[in-house]
Amino acid sequence: MPTPSTAQSLRTTPEGLLWEPSERWVRGRKGDVTVVDSRHPVLVWEPGVPVPLYAFPRTEVREDLLLPAKNPPVGAHTGSTVFYDLAVDGELLENAAWAFPADDLAGHIAFEWFQRTGRGLDHWYEEEEEIFVHPRDPHKRVDALPSSRHVVVEIGGRVVADTRRPVLLFETGLPTRYYLPREDVRLDLFRPSDRHTGCPYKGTAEYWSWHGEHGGSDVPPDVVWSYPEPLPAVGAIKGLLAFYNEVVDITVDGERLERPVTPFTRTPR
């Protein structure tokens, strides 16, 4: 999460919300119905939540589709006490939107994102590009750089990948990820998973789980992933395979990397 000391444009509310105006044209839809069409969105960070959300002036929201919430949640969003149910095409979505406390964000409404919470609006667009899971943080960078480093991956002492043509992905707040050509990975030691996840910076990932004979008890499921159709900004990782540094052993140019401690350390999610 950015802080006022690292982002000059950020402002703070008495409740501890950080926010800043955005110049992006943002639309949100439920099915075929456009609920939000905003050229004056605001990015908001709630305390303790590392990713931002969008809030919109009421004049750029279909308020005719909003009803006072029948069962408003307590403490669901920082300082907010006013929640709305969304009625679209005969369907009622409980607590799909909420209003912020007074002060700077008064007159703004935010919405849940279906891909993140399982409820709310299911399609979002910045300009003409569809975005997923949550808004992209303007204070975060994601760079995918082709490299000639020698990368070796081991599980339980067994080499499962060995390449000199990785793509290194540098993402603010996360360890460097090493994306490897499939030809250089022992993918026969893994089974495809039915799990898929969405990332606003990279796209939709597919997964594989360890099926080898060694080290299996220490390897959580879905330890390998790939982006078959990544977003354009990280197109260099298309179809390549990455491992969770937190649970496998990776050696780069002869130097064994320490396993980082992150929320993925025990069980990738």
Protein backbone atom coordinates (compact mmCIF):
# COMPACT_ATOMS: atom_id res chain seq x y z
CA MET A 1 0.00 0.00 0.00
CA PRO A 2 1.36 3.46 -0.81
CA THR A 3 1.86 6.03 1.92
CA PRO A 4 1.58 9.84 1.83
CA SER A 5 5.38 10.05 2.12
CA THR A 6 5.87 8.01 -1.07
CA ALA A 7 3.02 9.41 -3.15
CA GLN A 8 2.59 13.17 -3.14
CA SER A 9 -0.94 13.12 -4.56
CA LEU A 10 -2.39 10.86 -1.84
CA ARG A 11 -4.78 12.31 0.69
CA THR A 12 -5.95 10.89 4.01
CA THR A 13 -9.37 10.89 5.67
CA PRO A 14 -9.95 10.91 9.45
CA GLU A 15 -10.88 7.20 9.19
CA GLY A 16 -7.47 6.37 7.74
CA LEU A 17 -8.52 5.95 4.12
CA LEU A 18 -5.95 6.96 1.51
CA TRP A 19 -7.26 8.27 -1.79
CA GLU A 20 -6.30 10.10 -4.94
CA PRO A 21 -8.12 11.16 -8.13
CA SER A 22 -7.62 9.12 -11.29
CA GLU A 23 -7.81 10.40 -14.86
CA ARG A 24 -8.90 7.04 -16.30
CA TRP A 25 -12.32 6.51 -17.84
CA VAL A 26 -13.82 3.63 -15.87
CA ARG A 27 -16.96 1.62 -16.54
CA GLY A 28 -18.50 -1.15 -14.48
CA ARG A 29 -21.18 -3.55 -15.68
CA LYS A 30 -23.41 -6.26 -14.34
CA GLY A 31 -24.08 -8.52 -17.29
CA ASP A 32 -25.05 -6.23 -20.14
CA VAL A 33 -26.12 -3.34 -17.90
CA THR A 34 -23.67 -0.45 -17.37
CA VAL A 35 -23.97 0.56 -13.71
CA VAL A 36 -20.97 2.92 -13.57
CA ASP A 37 -19.68 5.21 -16.30
CA SER A 38 -17.14 7.56 -14.76
CA ARG A 39 -14.56 10.00 -16.04
CA HIS A 40 -13.81 11.18 -12.49
CA PRO A 41 -13.06 8.02 -10.50
CA VAL A 42 -11.13 8.03 -7.26
CA LEU A 43 -8.71 5.34 -6.10
CA VAL A 44 -9.11 4.41 -2.44
CA TRP A 45 -6.93 2.28 -0.15
CA GLU A 46 -8.52 0.98 3.03
CA PRO A 47 -6.28 0.51 6.10
CA GLY A 48 -4.56 -2.85 6.06
CA VAL A 49 -5.73 -3.70 2.53
CA PRO A 50 -2.81 -3.79 0.04
CA VAL A 51 -4.87 -3.27 -3.13
CA PRO A 52 -6.98 -0.26 -4.11
CA LEU A 53 -10.63 0.06 -5.06
CA TYR A 54 -12.49 2.62 -7.14
CA ALA A 55 -15.06 5.09 -5.85
CA PHE A 56 -17.28 7.15 -8.13
CA PRO A 57 -19.26 10.39 -7.92
CA ARG A 58 -22.96 9.64 -7.49
CA THR A 59 -23.71 11.54 -10.70
CA GLU A 60 -21.76 8.87 -12.65
CA VAL A 61 -23.55 5.92 -11.05
CA ARG A 62 -26.94 4.40 -11.93
CA GLU A 63 -28.47 5.25 -8.56
CA ASP A 64 -31.86 4.16 -9.84
CA LEU A 65 -30.55 0.58 -9.59
CA LEU A 66 -29.54 0.95 -5.94
CA LEU A 67 -31.75 0.15 -2.97
CA PRO A 68 -31.04 0.63 0.74
CA ALA A 69 -29.43 -2.61 1.92
CA LYS A 70 -31.79 -5.00 3.71
CA ASN A 71 -28.95 -6.56 5.70
CA PRO A 72 -26.06 -4.08 5.79
CA PRO A 73 -22.80 -5.66 6.98
CA VAL A 74 -21.12 -4.30 10.08
CA GLY A 75 -17.51 -3.17 9.66
CA ALA A 76 -17.22 -4.45 6.10
CA HIS A 77 -15.55 -1.25 4.86
CA THR A 78 -13.68 1.35 6.88
CA GLY A 79 -16.04 3.89 8.42
CA SER A 80 -18.91 3.06 6.05
CA THR A 81 -22.40 2.60 7.46
CA VAL A 82 -24.52 3.11 4.31
CA PHE A 83 -24.79 0.07 2.02
CA TYR A 84 -26.88 -0.66 -1.06
CA ASP A 85 -28.37 -3.68 -2.74
CA LEU A 86 -28.19 -3.66 -6.53
CA ALA A 87 -31.26 -4.60 -8.58
CA VAL A 88 -30.42 -5.55 -12.17
CA ASP A 89 -32.59 -7.50 -14.62
CA GLY A 90 -34.72 -8.99 -11.87
CA GLU A 91 -31.71 -10.04 -9.77
CA LEU A 92 -31.00 -8.53 -6.35
CA LEU A 93 -27.34 -8.40 -5.28
CA GLU A 94 -27.08 -7.73 -1.57
CA ASN A 95 -24.51 -5.22 -0.32
CA ALA A 96 -23.04 -4.72 -3.78
CA ALA A 97 -22.23 -1.03 -3.10
CA TRP A 98 -21.55 1.34 -0.28
CA ALA A 99 -21.07 5.02 0.48
CA PHE A 100 -18.06 6.48 2.22
CA PRO A 101 -18.12 8.59 5.40
CA ALA A 102 -18.36 12.35 5.14
CA ASP A 103 -15.43 14.66 4.43
CA ASP A 104 -13.42 14.30 1.22
CA LEU A 105 -15.16 11.18 -0.11
CA ALA A 106 -18.70 12.27 0.63
CA GLY A 107 -20.86 11.82 -2.43
CA HIS A 108 -18.87 8.83 -3.70
CA ILE A 109 -20.03 5.23 -4.07
CA ALA A 110 -17.89 2.09 -4.38
CA PHE A 111 -18.82 -1.36 -5.68
CA GLU A 112 -17.77 -4.91 -4.96
CA TRP A 113 -15.96 -6.75 -7.76
CA PHE A 114 -17.36 -10.17 -8.51
CA GLN A 115 -13.96 -11.67 -9.35
CA ARG A 116 -12.60 -10.67 -5.97
CA THR A 117 -15.54 -11.16 -3.60
CA GLY A 118 -18.01 -13.34 -5.49
CA ARG A 119 -20.59 -10.57 -5.63
CA GLY A 120 -21.00 -7.20 -7.29
CA LEU A 121 -20.20 -6.02 -10.81
CA ASP A 122 -18.65 -8.64 -13.08
CA HIS A 123 -17.06 -6.57 -15.87
CA TRP A 124 -14.80 -3.55 -15.45
CA TYR A 125 -13.04 -1.41 -18.04
CA GLU A 126 -10.33 1.25 -17.95
CA GLU A 127 -10.60 3.11 -21.24
CA GLU A 128 -11.16 0.22 -23.72
CA GLU A 129 -9.25 -2.46 -21.78
CA GLU A 130 -11.07 -4.89 -19.51
CA ILE A 131 -9.49 -5.17 -16.06
CA PHE A 132 -9.85 -7.92 -13.50
CA VAL A 133 -9.95 -8.61 -9.73
CA HIS A 134 -9.22 -5.04 -8.58
CA PRO A 135 -7.94 -1.74 -10.02
CA ARG A 136 -4.28 -1.62 -10.90
CA ASP A 137 -2.21 0.31 -8.39
CA PRO A 138 -0.47 3.29 -10.07
CA HIS A 139 2.26 3.08 -7.42
CA LYS A 140 3.15 -0.51 -8.32
CA ARG A 141 5.39 -1.74 -11.16
CA VAL A 142 5.44 -5.08 -12.94
CA ASP A 143 8.31 -5.66 -15.39
CA ALA A 144 8.97 -8.86 -17.37
CA LEU A 145 12.56 -8.96 -18.64
CA PRO A 146 14.10 -11.72 -20.81
CA SER A 147 17.40 -12.89 -19.36
CA SER A 148 20.32 -15.26 -19.97
CA ARG A 149 20.76 -16.20 -16.30
CA HIS A 150 21.21 -19.87 -15.47
CA VAL A 151 18.21 -20.93 -13.38
CA VAL A 152 17.88 -24.35 -11.78
CA VAL A 153 14.81 -25.45 -9.81
CA GLU A 154 14.85 -28.41 -7.42
CA ILE A 155 12.19 -30.21 -5.40
CA GLY A 156 13.40 -32.60 -2.72
CA GLY A 157 16.87 -32.51 -4.23
CA ARG A 158 15.63 -33.45 -7.69
CA VAL A 159 16.18 -31.04 -10.60
CA VAL A 160 12.81 -30.23 -12.16
CA ALA A 161 13.89 -27.27 -14.34
CA ASP A 162 17.14 -26.06 -15.85
CA THR A 163 17.33 -23.12 -18.25
CA ARG A 164 19.54 -20.31 -19.51
CA ARG A 165 16.66 -18.40 -21.11
CA PRO A 166 14.32 -17.35 -18.31
CA VAL A 167 12.12 -14.28 -18.15
CA LEU A 168 12.44 -12.50 -14.82
CA LEU A 169 9.29 -10.84 -13.52
CA PHE A 170 9.83 -8.00 -11.05
CA GLU A 171 6.67 -7.00 -9.19
CA THR A 172 6.58 -4.42 -6.41
CA GLY A 173 6.23 -6.10 -3.02
CA LEU A 174 6.83 -9.67 -4.25
CA PRO A 175 9.93 -11.82 -4.79
CA THR A 176 11.39 -12.00 -8.28
CA ARG A 177 9.60 -14.75 -10.20
CA TYR A 178 11.48 -16.85 -12.74
CA TYR A 179 9.41 -17.81 -15.79
CA LEU A 180 10.92 -20.76 -17.66
CA PRO A 181 10.35 -22.28 -21.12
CA ARG A 182 8.28 -25.46 -20.98
CA GLU A 183 10.97 -27.35 -22.85
CA ASP A 184 13.31 -26.73 -19.90
CA VAL A 185 10.86 -27.95 -17.21
CA ARG A 186 10.09 -31.57 -16.23
CA LEU A 187 6.39 -30.99 -16.58
CA ASP A 188 5.84 -34.76 -16.65
CA LEU A 189 6.43 -34.66 -12.88
CA PHE A 190 3.36 -32.45 -12.39
CA ARG A 191 -0.36 -32.85 -12.90
CA PRO A 192 -2.62 -30.12 -14.31
CA SER A 193 -4.87 -28.50 -11.71
CA ASP A 194 -8.41 -27.26 -12.21
CA ARG A 195 -7.48 -24.03 -10.42
CA HIS A 196 -7.41 -20.68 -12.23
CA THR A 197 -6.75 -17.24 -10.75
CA GLY A 198 -6.95 -13.71 -12.09
CA CYS A 199 -4.37 -10.96 -11.71
CA PRO A 200 -5.00 -7.34 -12.76
CA TYR A 201 -1.38 -7.02 -13.91
CA LYS A 202 -0.79 -10.35 -15.65
CA GLY A 203 -4.09 -11.99 -16.62
CA THR A 204 -5.53 -15.46 -15.86
CA ALA A 205 -3.20 -18.20 -14.62
CA GLU A 206 -3.45 -21.97 -14.87
CA TYR A 207 -1.71 -24.34 -12.43
CA TRP A 208 0.05 -27.69 -11.97
CA SER A 209 0.68 -29.71 -8.79
CA TRP A 210 3.71 -31.84 -7.90
CA HIS A 211 3.37 -35.54 -8.72
CA GLY A 212 6.98 -36.64 -8.35
CA GLU A 213 8.26 -39.27 -5.94
CA HIS A 214 10.52 -37.06 -3.82
CA GLY A 215 9.65 -34.19 -1.52
CA GLY A 216 5.92 -34.44 -2.18
CA SER A 217 4.86 -34.11 1.46
CA ASP A 218 6.48 -30.67 1.68
CA VAL A 219 5.11 -29.31 -1.58
CA PRO A 220 1.68 -27.65 -1.46
CA PRO A 221 -0.66 -28.00 -4.43
CA ASP A 222 -0.58 -25.64 -7.41
CA VAL A 223 3.13 -24.95 -7.06
CA VAL A 224 3.62 -24.22 -10.79
CA TRP A 225 1.66 -21.73 -12.85
CA SER A 226 1.54 -20.15 -16.29
CA TYR A 227 -0.25 -17.35 -18.11
CA PRO A 228 -1.32 -18.73 -21.51
CA GLU A 229 -2.67 -15.34 -22.60
CA PRO A 230 -1.01 -12.68 -20.43
CA LEU A 231 -1.87 -9.01 -20.59
CA PRO A 232 0.15 -7.05 -23.17
CA ALA A 233 2.40 -5.35 -20.60
CA VAL A 234 3.89 -8.74 -19.59
CA GLY A 235 3.60 -10.52 -22.93
CA ALA A 236 7.12 -11.94 -22.52
CA ILE A 237 5.86 -14.53 -19.99
CA LYS A 238 3.29 -16.05 -22.37
CA GLY A 239 3.15 -19.82 -21.89
CA LEU A 240 6.20 -19.90 -19.60
CA LEU A 241 6.19 -21.71 -16.25
CA ALA A 242 6.96 -20.26 -12.82
CA PHE A 243 7.48 -21.86 -9.41
CA TYR A 244 6.74 -20.53 -5.94
CA ASN A 245 10.19 -19.54 -4.63
CA GLU A 246 8.72 -19.98 -1.16
CA VAL A 247 8.43 -23.79 -1.40
CA VAL A 248 11.04 -24.96 -3.95
CA ASP A 249 14.81 -24.51 -4.19
CA ILE A 250 15.99 -22.11 -6.90
CA THR A 251 19.62 -21.58 -7.86
CA VAL A 252 20.52 -18.60 -10.07
CA ASP A 253 23.98 -18.42 -11.66
CA GLY A 254 25.28 -20.90 -9.11
CA GLU A 255 23.85 -19.11 -6.05
CA ARG A 256 21.10 -20.83 -4.06
CA LEU A 257 18.36 -18.33 -3.26
CA GLU A 258 16.87 -18.08 0.19
CA ARG A 259 13.22 -19.00 0.30
CA PRO A 260 11.31 -15.74 0.82
CA VAL A 261 8.65 -15.40 3.48
CA THR A 262 5.37 -14.18 1.95
CA PRO A 263 1.67 -15.02 2.26
CA PHE A 264 2.45 -17.88 -0.18
CA THR A 265 5.11 -19.46 2.05
CA ARG A 266 3.05 -22.41 3.28
CA THR A 267 0.22 -22.84 0.84
CA PRO A 268 0.09 -21.02 -2.50
CA ARG A 269 -3.24 -19.23 -3.00
